[in-house]
Amino acid sequence: MENFKGTRGPWVASKSDRSIGPVSKDDDQSYGMILPVAWVEFDGKPGHHQANANLIAAAPELLEALQAVVRVADRATDEFDMAHAAISKALGQ
């Protein structure tokens, strides 16, 4: 991912402790271990916290995919302007 300074994936959203983070492949457990960088608090609305956690966990892959699409198919359209803005936001620019 171009200019991305965060932790590379894969990222997951745990259903057991509501943590979100990359999976470490450095431990001796076959499934890896989540290195938590965030926790999603329950807001009283069933399903919201897991949906939010899933979106956050997918963010690094979404950024990489969007950068790839822009790289191969950039056009002067409102949709690609939105894509560029989203990439800039994700990169803190």
C-alpha atoms as a PDB file:
ATOM      1  CA  MET A   1       0.000   0.000   0.000  1.00  0.00           C
ATOM      2  CA  GLU A   2       1.467   3.247  -1.123  1.00  0.00           C
ATOM      3  CA  ASN A   3       2.441   5.594   1.722  1.00  0.00           C
ATOM      4  CA  PHE A   4       0.572   3.542   4.344  1.00  0.00           C
ATOM      5  CA  LYS A   5       2.493   3.718   7.615  1.00  0.00           C
ATOM      6  CA  GLY A   6       0.135   1.601   9.719  1.00  0.00           C
ATOM      7  CA  THR A   7       0.380  -2.058  10.617  1.00  0.00           C
ATOM      8  CA  ARG A   8      -0.059  -4.357   7.639  1.00  0.00           C
ATOM      9  CA  GLY A   9      -2.777  -7.025   7.744  1.00  0.00           C
ATOM     10  CA  PRO A  10      -4.447  -9.284   7.928  1.00  0.00           C
ATOM     11  CA  TRP A  11      -6.650  -7.528  10.467  1.00  0.00           C
ATOM     12  CA  VAL A  12      -9.578  -9.155  12.238  1.00  0.00           C
ATOM     13  CA  ALA A  13     -12.443  -8.164  14.494  1.00  0.00           C
ATOM     14  CA  SER A  14     -12.700 -10.524  17.451  1.00  0.00           C
ATOM     15  CA  LYS A  15     -16.199 -11.618  18.378  1.00  0.00           C
ATOM     16  CA  SER A  16     -15.149 -12.642  21.877  1.00  0.00           C
ATOM     17  CA  ASP A  17     -13.534  -9.524  23.355  1.00  0.00           C
ATOM     18  CA  ARG A  18     -14.495  -6.826  20.797  1.00  0.00           C
ATOM     19  CA  SER A  19     -10.851  -6.107  19.958  1.00  0.00           C
ATOM     20  CA  ILE A  20      -9.690  -5.098  16.499  1.00  0.00           C
ATOM     21  CA  GLY A  21      -6.186  -5.436  15.170  1.00  0.00           C
ATOM     22  CA  PRO A  22      -3.677  -7.239  13.009  1.00  0.00           C
ATOM     23  CA  VAL A  23      -3.055 -10.938  13.473  1.00  0.00           C
ATOM     24  CA  SER A  24       0.437 -11.847  14.625  1.00  0.00           C
ATOM     25  CA  LYS A  25       1.938 -14.809  12.833  1.00  0.00           C
ATOM     26  CA  ASP A  26       4.956 -14.727  15.142  1.00  0.00           C
ATOM     27  CA  ASP A  27       3.475 -16.737  17.979  1.00  0.00           C
ATOM     28  CA  ASP A  28       3.362 -20.524  18.105  1.00  0.00           C
ATOM     29  CA  GLN A  29      -0.417 -20.768  17.828  1.00  0.00           C
ATOM     30  CA  SER A  30      -1.620 -21.877  14.415  1.00  0.00           C
ATOM     31  CA  TYR A  31      -4.440 -19.337  14.251  1.00  0.00           C
ATOM     32  CA  GLY A  32      -2.328 -16.342  15.212  1.00  0.00           C
ATOM     33  CA  MET A  33      -3.030 -13.836  17.922  1.00  0.00           C
ATOM     34  CA  ILE A  34      -4.771 -10.474  17.644  1.00  0.00           C
ATOM     35  CA  LEU A  35      -2.581  -7.518  18.559  1.00  0.00           C
ATOM     36  CA  PRO A  36      -5.369  -5.154  19.691  1.00  0.00           C
ATOM     37  CA  VAL A  37      -5.251  -1.546  18.562  1.00  0.00           C
ATOM     38  CA  ALA A  38      -8.910  -0.747  19.273  1.00  0.00           C
ATOM     39  CA  TRP A  39     -11.966  -2.040  21.088  1.00  0.00           C
ATOM     40  CA  VAL A  40     -15.558  -1.501  20.035  1.00  0.00           C
ATOM     41  CA  GLU A  41     -17.929  -0.624  22.848  1.00  0.00           C
ATOM     42  CA  PHE A  42     -21.483  -1.943  22.837  1.00  0.00           C
ATOM     43  CA  ASP A  43     -23.952   0.869  22.155  1.00  0.00           C
ATOM     44  CA  GLY A  44     -27.111  -1.056  23.014  1.00  0.00           C
ATOM     45  CA  LYS A  45     -27.955  -1.734  19.379  1.00  0.00           C
ATOM     46  CA  PRO A  46     -27.508  -5.423  18.527  1.00  0.00           C
ATOM     47  CA  GLY A  47     -25.145  -5.944  15.627  1.00  0.00           C
ATOM     48  CA  HIS A  48     -23.790  -2.391  15.451  1.00  0.00           C
ATOM     49  CA  HIS A  49     -20.578  -3.070  17.347  1.00  0.00           C
ATOM     50  CA  GLN A  50     -19.651  -6.138  15.298  1.00  0.00           C
ATOM     51  CA  ALA A  51     -20.505  -4.389  12.014  1.00  0.00           C
ATOM     52  CA  ASN A  52     -18.342  -1.404  13.027  1.00  0.00           C
ATOM     53  CA  ALA A  53     -15.505  -3.707  14.076  1.00  0.00           C
ATOM     54  CA  ASN A  54     -15.697  -5.618  10.782  1.00  0.00           C
ATOM     55  CA  LEU A  55     -15.501  -2.381   8.778  1.00  0.00           C
ATOM     56  CA  ILE A  56     -12.475  -1.162  10.745  1.00  0.00           C
ATOM     57  CA  ALA A  57     -10.733  -4.536  10.377  1.00  0.00           C
ATOM     58  CA  ALA A  58     -11.313  -4.456   6.599  1.00  0.00           C
ATOM     59  CA  ALA A  59      -9.930  -0.910   6.220  1.00  0.00           C
ATOM     60  CA  PRO A  60      -6.334  -1.857   5.268  1.00  0.00           C
ATOM     61  CA  GLU A  61      -7.595  -4.210   2.538  1.00  0.00           C
ATOM     62  CA  LEU A  62     -10.127  -1.638   1.328  1.00  0.00           C
ATOM     63  CA  LEU A  63      -7.372   0.989   1.084  1.00  0.00           C
ATOM     64  CA  GLU A  64      -5.125  -1.355  -0.871  1.00  0.00           C
ATOM     65  CA  ALA A  65      -7.954  -2.328  -3.252  1.00  0.00           C
ATOM     66  CA  LEU A  66      -9.011   1.287  -3.818  1.00  0.00           C
ATOM     67  CA  GLN A  67      -5.426   2.326  -4.529  1.00  0.00           C
ATOM     68  CA  ALA A  68      -5.164  -0.505  -7.083  1.00  0.00           C
ATOM     69  CA  VAL A  69      -8.400   0.513  -8.831  1.00  0.00           C
ATOM     70  CA  VAL A  70      -7.305   4.151  -9.027  1.00  0.00           C
ATOM     71  CA  ARG A  71      -3.885   3.103 -10.306  1.00  0.00           C
ATOM     72  CA  VAL A  72      -5.303   1.132 -13.269  1.00  0.00           C
ATOM     73  CA  ALA A  73      -8.514   2.997 -14.092  1.00  0.00           C
ATOM     74  CA  ASP A  74      -8.311   6.603 -12.902  1.00  0.00           C
ATOM     75  CA  ARG A  75     -10.814   8.882 -14.614  1.00  0.00           C
ATOM     76  CA  ALA A  76     -11.889  12.501 -14.266  1.00  0.00           C
ATOM     77  CA  THR A  77     -15.194  11.693 -12.563  1.00  0.00           C
ATOM     78  CA  ASP A  78     -16.855  12.527  -9.270  1.00  0.00           C
ATOM     79  CA  GLU A  79     -16.492   8.884  -8.219  1.00  0.00           C
ATOM     80  CA  PHE A  80     -12.723   8.932  -8.687  1.00  0.00           C
ATOM     81  CA  ASP A  81     -12.542  12.289  -6.908  1.00  0.00           C
ATOM     82  CA  MET A  82     -14.285  10.563  -3.982  1.00  0.00           C
ATOM     83  CA  ALA A  83     -11.794   7.685  -4.219  1.00  0.00           C
ATOM     84  CA  HIS A  84      -8.822  10.068  -4.116  1.00  0.00           C
ATOM     85  CA  ALA A  85     -10.340  11.887  -1.129  1.00  0.00           C
ATOM     86  CA  ALA A  86     -10.905   8.610   0.736  1.00  0.00           C
ATOM     87  CA  ILE A  87      -7.323   7.482   0.078  1.00  0.00           C
ATOM     88  CA  SER A  88      -5.968  10.825   1.291  1.00  0.00           C
ATOM     89  CA  LYS A  89      -8.090  10.612   4.437  1.00  0.00           C
ATOM     90  CA  ALA A  90      -6.891   7.070   5.151  1.00  0.00           C
ATOM     91  CA  LEU A  91      -3.278   8.195   4.744  1.00  0.00           C
ATOM     92  CA  GLY A  92      -3.764  11.261   6.944  1.00  0.00           C
ATOM     93  CA  GLN A  93      -3.122  13.713   4.114  1.00  0.00           C
END
